[in-house]
PDB file of N, CA and C in Angstrom:
ATOM      1  N   MET A   1      -9.404  -9.420   4.782  1.00  0.00           N
ATOM      2  CA  MET A   1      -8.628 -10.379   3.745  1.00  0.00           C
ATOM      3  C   MET A   1      -7.968  -9.421   3.227  1.00  0.00           C
ATOM      4  N   SER A   2      -6.470  -9.397   3.013  1.00  0.00           N
ATOM      5  CA  SER A   2      -5.774  -8.758   1.430  1.00  0.00           C
ATOM      6  C   SER A   2      -5.087 -10.287   0.686  1.00  0.00           C
ATOM      7  N   ASP A   3      -4.534  -9.762  -0.116  1.00  0.00           N
ATOM      8  CA  ASP A   3      -3.597 -10.125  -1.162  1.00  0.00           C
ATOM      9  C   ASP A   3      -2.836  -9.282  -1.850  1.00  0.00           C
ATOM     10  N   GLY A   4      -1.231 -10.041  -2.105  1.00  0.00           N
ATOM     11  CA  GLY A   4       0.026  -9.035  -2.406  1.00  0.00           C
ATOM     12  C   GLY A   4       0.508  -9.912  -4.027  1.00  0.00           C
ATOM     13  N   ARG A   5       0.145  -9.709  -4.862  1.00  0.00           N
ATOM     14  CA  ARG A   5       0.328 -10.267  -6.344  1.00  0.00           C
ATOM     15  C   ARG A   5       1.630  -9.918  -6.650  1.00  0.00           C
ATOM     16  N   VAL A   6       2.626 -10.402  -6.785  1.00  0.00           N
ATOM     17  CA  VAL A   6       4.144  -9.979  -7.029  1.00  0.00           C
ATOM     18  C   VAL A   6       4.401  -9.818  -8.938  1.00  0.00           C
ATOM     19  N   HIS A   7       4.625  -8.614  -9.366  1.00  0.00           N
ATOM     20  CA  HIS A   7       4.528  -9.075 -11.060  1.00  0.00           C
ATOM     21  C   HIS A   7       5.904  -8.875 -11.454  1.00  0.00           C
ATOM     22  N   ILE A   8       7.001  -8.049 -10.685  1.00  0.00           N
ATOM     23  CA  ILE A   8       7.888  -7.550 -11.602  1.00  0.00           C
ATOM     24  C   ILE A   8       8.952  -7.700  -9.653  1.00  0.00           C
ATOM     25  N   GLU A   9       9.887  -8.546  -9.734  1.00  0.00           N
ATOM     26  CA  GLU A   9      11.467  -8.322  -9.226  1.00  0.00           C
ATOM     27  C   GLU A   9      12.615  -8.596  -9.501  1.00  0.00           C
ATOM     28  N   SER A  10      13.271  -7.497  -9.960  1.00  0.00           N
ATOM     29  CA  SER A  10      14.436  -7.377 -10.501  1.00  0.00           C
ATOM     30  C   SER A  10      15.361  -6.991  -9.707  1.00  0.00           C
ATOM     31  N   ASP A  11      16.937  -6.900  -9.932  1.00  0.00           N
ATOM     32  CA  ASP A  11      17.439  -6.452  -9.141  1.00  0.00           C
ATOM     33  C   ASP A  11      16.965  -4.605  -9.191  1.00  0.00           C
ATOM     34  N   ARG A  12      16.729  -4.015  -9.682  1.00  0.00           N
ATOM     35  CA  ARG A  12      16.320  -2.303  -9.915  1.00  0.00           C
ATOM     36  C   ARG A  12      14.874  -2.282  -8.997  1.00  0.00           C
ATOM     37  N   THR A  13      13.593  -3.001  -9.338  1.00  0.00           N
ATOM     38  CA  THR A  13      12.036  -2.486  -8.694  1.00  0.00           C
ATOM     39  C   THR A  13      11.833  -3.972  -8.304  1.00  0.00           C
ATOM     40  N   ARG A  14      10.454  -4.224  -7.464  1.00  0.00           N
ATOM     41  CA  ARG A  14       9.804  -5.168  -7.030  1.00  0.00           C
ATOM     42  C   ARG A  14       8.499  -4.575  -7.446  1.00  0.00           C
ATOM     43  N   VAL A  15       7.531  -5.067  -8.296  1.00  0.00           N
ATOM     44  CA  VAL A  15       6.131  -4.580  -8.604  1.00  0.00           C
ATOM     45  C   VAL A  15       5.548  -5.572  -8.086  1.00  0.00           C
ATOM     46  N   THR A  16       4.573  -4.677  -6.945  1.00  0.00           N
ATOM     47  CA  THR A  16       3.466  -5.787  -6.508  1.00  0.00           C
ATOM     48  C   THR A  16       2.012  -5.082  -6.508  1.00  0.00           C
ATOM     49  N   THR A  17       0.683  -6.193  -6.546  1.00  0.00           N
ATOM     50  CA  THR A  17      -0.475  -5.163  -6.881  1.00  0.00           C
ATOM     51  C   THR A  17      -0.952  -5.642  -5.777  1.00  0.00           C
ATOM     52  N   TRP A  18      -1.336  -5.022  -4.725  1.00  0.00           N
ATOM     53  CA  TRP A  18      -2.205  -5.869  -3.278  1.00  0.00           C
ATOM     54  C   TRP A  18      -3.912  -4.827  -3.356  1.00  0.00           C
ATOM     55  N   THR A  19      -4.741  -6.176  -3.023  1.00  0.00           N
ATOM     56  CA  THR A  19      -6.359  -6.021  -2.543  1.00  0.00           C
ATOM     57  C   THR A  19      -6.739  -6.576  -1.617  1.00  0.00           C
ATOM     58  N   ILE A  20      -7.256  -5.673  -0.985  1.00  0.00           N
ATOM     59  CA  ILE A  20      -7.704  -5.598   0.314  1.00  0.00           C
ATOM     60  C   ILE A  20      -9.074  -5.376   0.316  1.00  0.00           C
ATOM     61  N   GLU A  21      -9.610  -6.333   0.794  1.00  0.00           N
ATOM     62  CA  GLU A  21     -11.165  -6.285   0.551  1.00  0.00           C
ATOM     63  C   GLU A  21     -11.948  -5.577   2.114  1.00  0.00           C
ATOM     64  N   PRO A  22     -12.778  -5.504   1.831  1.00  0.00           N
ATOM     65  CA  PRO A  22     -13.952  -4.661   3.250  1.00  0.00           C
ATOM     66  C   PRO A  22     -13.680  -5.760   4.247  1.00  0.00           C
ATOM     67  N   GLY A  23     -12.550  -4.799   5.308  1.00  0.00           N
ATOM     68  CA  GLY A  23     -12.508  -5.784   6.591  1.00  0.00           C
ATOM     69  C   GLY A  23     -10.955  -5.731   6.829  1.00  0.00           C
ATOM     70  N   GLY A  24     -10.239  -5.958   5.880  1.00  0.00           N
ATOM     71  CA  GLY A  24      -8.786  -6.619   5.622  1.00  0.00           C
ATOM     72  C   GLY A  24      -7.927  -6.161   6.117  1.00  0.00           C
ATOM     73  N   ALA A  25      -6.989  -6.593   5.918  1.00  0.00           N
ATOM     74  CA  ALA A  25      -5.216  -5.181   6.295  1.00  0.00           C
ATOM     75  C   ALA A  25      -4.465  -6.270   5.959  1.00  0.00           C
ATOM     76  N   ILE A  26      -3.632  -5.529   5.395  1.00  0.00           N
ATOM     77  CA  ILE A  26      -1.958  -5.958   5.587  1.00  0.00           C
ATOM     78  C   ILE A  26      -1.377  -5.690   6.634  1.00  0.00           C
ATOM     79  N   PRO A  27      -0.982  -7.157   7.179  1.00  0.00           N
ATOM     80  CA  PRO A  27      -0.642  -6.396   8.489  1.00  0.00           C
ATOM     81  C   PRO A  27       0.684  -5.517   8.713  1.00  0.00           C
ATOM     82  N   GLU A  28       1.421  -5.586  10.268  1.00  0.00           N
ATOM     83  CA  GLU A  28       2.186  -4.601   9.695  1.00  0.00           C
ATOM     84  C   GLU A  28       3.224  -5.408   8.820  1.00  0.00           C
ATOM     85  N   HIS A  29       4.318  -4.146   8.223  1.00  0.00           N
ATOM     86  CA  HIS A  29       5.411  -4.549   8.200  1.00  0.00           C
ATOM     87  C   HIS A  29       6.437  -3.140   7.943  1.00  0.00           C
ATOM     88  N   LEU A  30       7.570  -3.085   7.743  1.00  0.00           N
ATOM     89  CA  LEU A  30       8.336  -2.527   7.573  1.00  0.00           C
ATOM     90  C   LEU A  30       9.054  -2.163   5.954  1.00  0.00           C
ATOM     91  N   HIS A  31       9.097  -1.126   5.237  1.00  0.00           N
ATOM     92  CA  HIS A  31       9.286  -0.333   3.948  1.00  0.00           C
ATOM     93  C   HIS A  31      10.991   0.006   4.017  1.00  0.00           C
ATOM     94  N   GLU A  32      11.809  -1.510   3.508  1.00  0.00           N
ATOM     95  CA  GLU A  32      13.057  -1.312   3.502  1.00  0.00           C
ATOM     96  C   GLU A  32      13.571   0.374   2.498  1.00  0.00           C
ATOM     97  N   TYR A  33      12.412   0.144   1.401  1.00  0.00           N
ATOM     98  CA  TYR A  33      12.750   0.775   0.178  1.00  0.00           C
ATOM     99  C   TYR A  33      12.108   1.924   0.163  1.00  0.00           C
ATOM    100  N   ASP A  34      12.470   2.832  -0.300  1.00  0.00           N
ATOM    101  CA  ASP A  34      11.643   3.852  -1.189  1.00  0.00           C
ATOM    102  C   ASP A  34      10.468   3.110  -1.940  1.00  0.00           C
ATOM    103  N   TYR A  35       9.477   3.601  -2.258  1.00  0.00           N
ATOM    104  CA  TYR A  35       8.587   3.056  -2.825  1.00  0.00           C
ATOM    105  C   TYR A  35       7.243   4.192  -3.497  1.00  0.00           C
ATOM    106  N   VAL A  36       6.814   3.710  -4.374  1.00  0.00           N
ATOM    107  CA  VAL A  36       5.462   4.945  -5.246  1.00  0.00           C
ATOM    108  C   VAL A  36       4.251   3.610  -4.953  1.00  0.00           C
ATOM    109  N   VAL A  37       3.169   4.407  -4.761  1.00  0.00           N
ATOM    110  CA  VAL A  37       1.635   3.937  -4.658  1.00  0.00           C
ATOM    111  C   VAL A  37       0.906   4.040  -6.069  1.00  0.00           C
ATOM    112  N   VAL A  38       0.598   3.062  -6.540  1.00  0.00           N
ATOM    113  CA  VAL A  38      -0.812   3.620  -7.378  1.00  0.00           C
ATOM    114  C   VAL A  38      -1.711   3.006  -7.891  1.00  0.00           C
ATOM    115  N   PRO A  39      -2.604   4.083  -6.941  1.00  0.00           N
ATOM    116  CA  PRO A  39      -4.035   3.600  -7.062  1.00  0.00           C
ATOM    117  C   PRO A  39      -4.745   2.693  -7.811  1.00  0.00           C
ATOM    118  N   LEU A  40      -5.169   1.936  -7.789  1.00  0.00           N
ATOM    119  CA  LEU A  40      -5.681   1.364  -9.100  1.00  0.00           C
ATOM    120  C   LEU A  40      -7.708   1.664  -9.005  1.00  0.00           C
ATOM    121  N   VAL A  41      -8.274   1.971  -7.640  1.00  0.00           N
ATOM    122  CA  VAL A  41      -9.646   2.176  -7.245  1.00  0.00           C
ATOM    123  C   VAL A  41      -9.762   4.036  -6.963  1.00  0.00           C
ATOM    124  N   ASP A  42     -10.758   4.455  -6.900  1.00  0.00           N
ATOM    125  CA  ASP A  42     -11.421   5.652  -5.543  1.00  0.00           C
ATOM    126  C   ASP A  42     -11.449   4.888  -4.862  1.00  0.00           C
ATOM    127  N   GLY A  43     -11.473   5.200  -3.524  1.00  0.00           N
ATOM    128  CA  GLY A  43     -11.972   5.318  -2.586  1.00  0.00           C
ATOM    129  C   GLY A  43     -10.669   5.453  -1.383  1.00  0.00           C
ATOM    130  N   ALA A  44     -10.509   4.515   0.059  1.00  0.00           N
ATOM    131  CA  ALA A  44      -9.514   5.115   0.921  1.00  0.00           C
ATOM    132  C   ALA A  44      -9.157   4.099   1.965  1.00  0.00           C
ATOM    133  N   MET A  45      -8.111   4.452   2.517  1.00  0.00           N
ATOM    134  CA  MET A  45      -7.258   3.607   2.878  1.00  0.00           C
ATOM    135  C   MET A  45      -6.575   3.946   4.442  1.00  0.00           C
ATOM    136  N   THR A  46      -6.766   2.688   5.319  1.00  0.00           N
ATOM    137  CA  THR A  46      -6.394   3.631   7.146  1.00  0.00           C
ATOM    138  C   THR A  46      -5.213   3.065   7.102  1.00  0.00           C
ATOM    139  N   VAL A  47      -3.924   3.924   7.371  1.00  0.00           N
ATOM    140  CA  VAL A  47      -2.614   3.589   7.173  1.00  0.00           C
ATOM    141  C   VAL A  47      -2.249   3.811   9.135  1.00  0.00           C
ATOM    142  N   VAL A  48      -2.178   2.568  10.026  1.00  0.00           N
ATOM    143  CA  VAL A  48      -1.992   3.017  11.184  1.00  0.00           C
ATOM    144  C   VAL A  48      -0.329   2.507  11.644  1.00  0.00           C
ATOM    145  N   GLN A  49       0.237   3.674  11.967  1.00  0.00           N
ATOM    146  CA  GLN A  49       1.841   3.446  11.933  1.00  0.00           C
ATOM    147  C   GLN A  49       2.328   3.075  13.438  1.00  0.00           C
ATOM    148  N   SER A  50       3.316   2.654  13.432  1.00  0.00           N
ATOM    149  CA  SER A  50       3.655   1.391  14.203  1.00  0.00           C
ATOM    150  C   SER A  50       3.554   1.680  15.516  1.00  0.00           C
ATOM    151  N   ASP A  51       3.295   3.630  15.795  1.00  0.00           N
ATOM    152  CA  ASP A  51       3.274   4.345  17.096  1.00  0.00           C
ATOM    153  C   ASP A  51       1.847   4.396  17.336  1.00  0.00           C
ATOM    154  N   GLY A  52       1.006   4.431  16.501  1.00  0.00           N
ATOM    155  CA  GLY A  52      -0.251   3.909  16.629  1.00  0.00           C
ATOM    156  C   GLY A  52      -1.004   5.022  16.575  1.00  0.00           C
ATOM    157  N   THR A  53      -0.914   5.939  15.197  1.00  0.00           N
ATOM    158  CA  THR A  53      -1.334   7.205  14.748  1.00  0.00           C
ATOM    159  C   THR A  53      -2.391   6.329  13.898  1.00  0.00           C
ATOM    160  N   VAL A  54      -2.774   7.077  14.107  1.00  0.00           N
ATOM    161  CA  VAL A  54      -4.248   6.605  12.631  1.00  0.00           C
ATOM    162  C   VAL A  54      -3.944   7.536  11.472  1.00  0.00           C
ATOM    163  N   LEU A  55      -4.047   7.119   9.830  1.00  0.00           N
ATOM    164  CA  LEU A  55      -4.189   8.180   8.819  1.00  0.00           C
ATOM    165  C   LEU A  55      -4.934   7.680   8.576  1.00  0.00           C
ATOM    166  N   GLU A  56      -5.972   8.644   7.746  1.00  0.00           N
ATOM    167  CA  GLU A  56      -6.793   8.442   6.324  1.00  0.00           C
ATOM    168  C   GLU A  56      -5.920   7.996   4.494  1.00  0.00           C
ATOM    169  N   THR A  57      -6.013   7.903   4.473  1.00  0.00           N
ATOM    170  CA  THR A  57      -5.358   7.882   3.013  1.00  0.00           C
ATOM    171  C   THR A  57      -6.105   7.931   1.920  1.00  0.00           C
ATOM    172  N   ALA A  58      -6.376   8.872   1.330  1.00  0.00           N
ATOM    173  CA  ALA A  58      -7.179   8.842  -0.033  1.00  0.00           C
ATOM    174  C   ALA A  58      -7.021   8.421  -1.745  1.00  0.00           C
ATOM    175  N   LEU A  59      -7.510   7.830  -1.711  1.00  0.00           N
ATOM    176  CA  LEU A  59      -7.359   7.372  -3.104  1.00  0.00           C
ATOM    177  C   LEU A  59      -7.655   7.312  -4.501  1.00  0.00           C
ATOM    178  N   ARG A  60      -7.234   7.907  -6.046  1.00  0.00           N
ATOM    179  CA  ARG A  60      -7.769   8.408  -6.873  1.00  0.00           C
ATOM    180  C   ARG A  60      -7.300   7.542  -7.758  1.00  0.00           C
ATOM    181  N   VAL A  61      -7.765   6.974  -8.618  1.00  0.00           N
ATOM    182  CA  VAL A  61      -7.415   6.411 -10.314  1.00  0.00           C
ATOM    183  C   VAL A  61      -6.040   6.925 -10.655  1.00  0.00           C
ATOM    184  N   GLY A  62      -5.017   5.727 -10.663  1.00  0.00           N
ATOM    185  CA  GLY A  62      -3.911   7.078 -11.501  1.00  0.00           C
ATOM    186  C   GLY A  62      -3.310   7.283 -10.801  1.00  0.00           C
ATOM    187  N   VAL A  63      -3.416   8.517  -9.693  1.00  0.00           N
ATOM    188  CA  VAL A  63      -2.372   9.152  -9.442  1.00  0.00           C
ATOM    189  C   VAL A  63      -1.710   8.975  -8.205  1.00  0.00           C
ATOM    190  N   PRO A  64      -0.244   8.548  -8.553  1.00  0.00           N
ATOM    191  CA  PRO A  64       0.075   8.408  -7.512  1.00  0.00           C
ATOM    192  C   PRO A  64       1.041   9.122  -6.554  1.00  0.00           C
ATOM    193  N   TYR A  65       1.724   7.944  -5.586  1.00  0.00           N
ATOM    194  CA  TYR A  65       2.432   9.272  -4.781  1.00  0.00           C
ATOM    195  C   TYR A  65       3.370   7.929  -4.090  1.00  0.00           C
ATOM    196  N   ASP A  66       4.254   8.923  -3.181  1.00  0.00           N
ATOM    197  CA  ASP A  66       5.664   7.993  -2.884  1.00  0.00           C
ATOM    198  C   ASP A  66       6.097   8.739  -1.398  1.00  0.00           C
ATOM    199  N   ARG A  67       6.693   7.445  -1.390  1.00  0.00           N
ATOM    200  CA  ARG A  67       6.844   7.560   0.576  1.00  0.00           C
ATOM    201  C   ARG A  67       8.504   6.635   0.456  1.00  0.00           C
ATOM    202  N   PRO A  68       8.922   7.517   1.560  1.00  0.00           N
ATOM    203  CA  PRO A  68      10.767   7.195   2.194  1.00  0.00           C
ATOM    204  C   PRO A  68      10.770   5.965   2.595  1.00  0.00           C
ATOM    205  N   ALA A  69      11.228   4.788   2.400  1.00  0.00           N
ATOM    206  CA  ALA A  69      12.433   4.144   3.206  1.00  0.00           C
ATOM    207  C   ALA A  69      11.519   3.903   4.255  1.00  0.00           C
ATOM    208  N   GLY A  70      11.737   3.083   5.380  1.00  0.00           N
ATOM    209  CA  GLY A  70      11.743   3.466   6.802  1.00  0.00           C
ATOM    210  C   GLY A  70      10.033   3.504   7.285  1.00  0.00           C
ATOM    211  N   ALA A  71       9.197   3.194   6.715  1.00  0.00           N
ATOM    212  CA  ALA A  71       7.870   3.415   7.433  1.00  0.00           C
ATOM    213  C   ALA A  71       7.567   1.718   7.694  1.00  0.00           C
ATOM    214  N   ARG A  72       6.903   1.828   8.569  1.00  0.00           N
ATOM    215  CA  ARG A  72       6.483   1.161   9.298  1.00  0.00           C
ATOM    216  C   ARG A  72       5.026   1.196  10.108  1.00  0.00           C
ATOM    217  N   HIS A  73       4.197   0.026   8.975  1.00  0.00           N
ATOM    218  CA  HIS A  73       2.439   0.475   8.856  1.00  0.00           C
ATOM    219  C   HIS A  73       1.397  -0.666   9.020  1.00  0.00           C
ATOM    220  N   ARG A  74       0.482  -0.496   9.303  1.00  0.00           N
ATOM    221  CA  ARG A  74      -0.481  -1.573   8.300  1.00  0.00           C
ATOM    222  C   ARG A  74      -1.421  -1.174   8.472  1.00  0.00           C
ATOM    223  N   VAL A  75      -2.197  -1.537   7.372  1.00  0.00           N
ATOM    224  CA  VAL A  75      -2.488  -0.802   6.291  1.00  0.00           C
ATOM    225  C   VAL A  75      -4.358  -1.763   5.981  1.00  0.00           C
ATOM    226  N   GLU A  76      -5.288  -0.718   6.677  1.00  0.00           N
ATOM    227  CA  GLU A  76      -6.433  -1.693   6.546  1.00  0.00           C
ATOM    228  C   GLU A  76      -7.281  -1.028   5.675  1.00  0.00           C
ATOM    229  N   ASN A  77      -8.761  -2.129   5.320  1.00  0.00           N
ATOM    230  CA  ASN A  77      -9.539  -0.613   4.662  1.00  0.00           C
ATOM    231  C   ASN A  77     -10.769  -1.477   5.455  1.00  0.00           C
ATOM    232  N   ARG A  78     -11.166  -0.308   6.236  1.00  0.00           N
ATOM    233  CA  ARG A  78     -12.319   0.447   6.649  1.00  0.00           C
ATOM    234  C   ARG A  78     -13.495   0.359   6.176  1.00  0.00           C
ATOM    235  N   THR A  79     -13.596   0.339   4.999  1.00  0.00           N
ATOM    236  CA  THR A  79     -14.826   0.978   3.983  1.00  0.00           C
ATOM    237  C   THR A  79     -15.675  -0.446   3.315  1.00  0.00           C
ATOM    238  N   THR A  80     -16.643  -0.353   2.818  1.00  0.00           N
ATOM    239  CA  THR A  80     -17.364  -1.036   2.157  1.00  0.00           C
ATOM    240  C   THR A  80     -16.826  -1.746   0.574  1.00  0.00           C
ATOM    241  N   GLU A  81     -16.181  -1.062   0.222  1.00  0.00           N
ATOM    242  CA  GLU A  81     -15.640  -1.104  -0.971  1.00  0.00           C
ATOM    243  C   GLU A  81     -14.112  -1.706  -0.801  1.00  0.00           C
ATOM    244  N   THR A  82     -13.750  -2.983  -1.846  1.00  0.00           N
ATOM    245  CA  THR A  82     -12.647  -3.319  -2.292  1.00  0.00           C
ATOM    246  C   THR A  82     -11.794  -2.539  -2.328  1.00  0.00           C
ATOM    247  N   VAL A  83     -10.352  -1.926  -2.176  1.00  0.00           N
ATOM    248  CA  VAL A  83      -9.401  -1.329  -2.070  1.00  0.00           C
ATOM    249  C   VAL A  83      -7.906  -2.611  -2.770  1.00  0.00           C
ATOM    250  N   ALA A  84      -7.314  -1.491  -4.174  1.00  0.00           N
ATOM    251  CA  ALA A  84      -6.277  -2.073  -4.723  1.00  0.00           C
ATOM    252  C   ALA A  84      -5.003  -1.266  -5.092  1.00  0.00           C
ATOM    253  N   PHE A  85      -3.928  -1.252  -5.410  1.00  0.00           N
ATOM    254  CA  PHE A  85      -3.380  -0.146  -5.902  1.00  0.00           C
ATOM    255  C   PHE A  85      -2.124  -0.696  -5.974  1.00  0.00           C
ATOM    256  N   THR A  86      -1.140  -0.667  -7.043  1.00  0.00           N
ATOM    257  CA  THR A  86      -0.091  -1.291  -7.516  1.00  0.00           C
ATOM    258  C   THR A  86       0.831  -0.571  -6.547  1.00  0.00           C
ATOM    259  N   GLU A  87       2.258  -1.161  -5.648  1.00  0.00           N
ATOM    260  CA  GLU A  87       3.647  -0.792  -5.137  1.00  0.00           C
ATOM    261  C   GLU A  87       4.688  -0.996  -5.932  1.00  0.00           C
ATOM    262  N   VAL A  88       5.522  -0.125  -6.372  1.00  0.00           N
ATOM    263  CA  VAL A  88       6.245   0.067  -7.362  1.00  0.00           C
ATOM    264  C   VAL A  88       7.226   0.323  -5.842  1.00  0.00           C
ATOM    265  N   GLU A  89       8.771  -0.510  -5.381  1.00  0.00           N
ATOM    266  CA  GLU A  89       9.519  -0.317  -4.690  1.00  0.00           C
ATOM    267  C   GLU A  89      10.670  -0.028  -5.099  1.00  0.00           C
ATOM    268  N   LEU A  90      11.136   0.471  -4.881  1.00  0.00           N
ATOM    269  CA  LEU A  90      12.872   1.038  -5.702  1.00  0.00           C
ATOM    270  C   LEU A  90      14.068   0.778  -5.188  1.00  0.00           C
ATOM    271  N   LEU A  91      14.332  -0.729  -5.730  1.00  0.00           N
ATOM    272  CA  LEU A  91      15.889  -0.919  -4.854  1.00  0.00           C
ATOM    273  C   LEU A  91      17.019  -0.924  -4.856  1.00  0.00           C
ATOM    274  N   PRO A  92      17.836  -1.163  -4.057  1.00  0.00           N
ATOM    275  CA  PRO A  92      19.314  -0.036  -4.202  1.00  0.00           C
ATOM    276  C   PRO A  92      19.968  -0.516  -5.304  1.00  0.00           C
TER     277      PRO A  92
END
């Protein structure tokens, strides 16, 4: 199970907090905008790209990373701990 809660949606940004329970996933989606991810927990998540490539992503509380627009992927939690992060999309 996963849950996304939008906190801000303006003409410049969309800020969403995502929580993914163990065994849960965010279904495949396309990032239309550049974005920044700020982890809320230490842990790991699995990113399955549209071509089937699997990436393990380490999460460290408060250590952000950014990605460009165009990514299409599914995000899975294959761990035994809840994954949580805030995503900031940079709208045009």
